Amino acid sequence: HLKKKSMESTKIAIDVGFRHIDCSHFYQNEEEVGQAIRSKIEDGTVKREDIFYTSKLWSTSHRPELVRPSLESSLRKLNLDYVDLYLIHFPVSLKAMEKCKDAGLAKSIGVSNFNRRLLEMILNKPGLKYKPVCNQVECHPYLNQNKLLDYCKMNDIVLVAYDPVLCAMAKKYKRTPALIALRYQLQRGIVVLAKSFNEEHIRENMQVFDFQLASDHMKILDGLDRNLRYFPAD
């Protein structure tokens, strides 16, 4: 049932204008998501180059010799020739990831749940061929990651927020609290991953581009930071 929902939700998301699709072997729905993308390419809604597809190397496949086979397995399930972005959770896999990029299987390489120390380790690695284009981390008004964001900006690494978590402000803007949280991240220069199986919510999420938060409201949201992490990753 959930797999079918994944296919339908992906089709709806593409129909309403979403172009960044984030998936993983771990979610066990790559075939369904791939079918949805293919169907939208075939019916002329999008071309392959319109879609930005992100996948992640699962934690059991980080040994260098397992990296490429893992990506090729995902591509077979997706029925795609390449992913636009491939993420790793541990620095040990970087060299093998660079080979995947050289082979045209991944357009870009990124990292997930890296703190500053891990980023510095990679950026200072002798013989680094491709630096990560992004760092996908938990980030929301209660964990705004300002120091990490500043470091990433300084090194041209995009911060991508997963699971972004307000009611007076939502009322003022005539938007949902979820949209306020999403907009807050966008205005900070962070790419946000919005997740939903609900058609109404998927359509609603696209409204994030229809309004802007005033600077004083951004400061109020900045003040919510409690260094509160819902997903322990370090």
Foldseek 3Di string as FASTA:
>chain_A
DVLQLLLVLLLLLLVLPDAEAEDEVVVVNLLSNLVSVVVCCVVPSDPPVSHQYEYEDDPVQQQQVRVVVRLVVSCVSSVHQAHAEYEYAAPSNQVSVVVCCVVVRYVFYAYEPDAPVRLCCQVPDPPRDHRHQEYEYADWLQAHCVVRCVVCVVVNHAYEHEPHDDVVVCVVVVHHPVLVGCLLQVVSRHHYDDDDSDSVVSSSNVCSVVDHDDPVVSVVSNVNHNNDDPDDRD
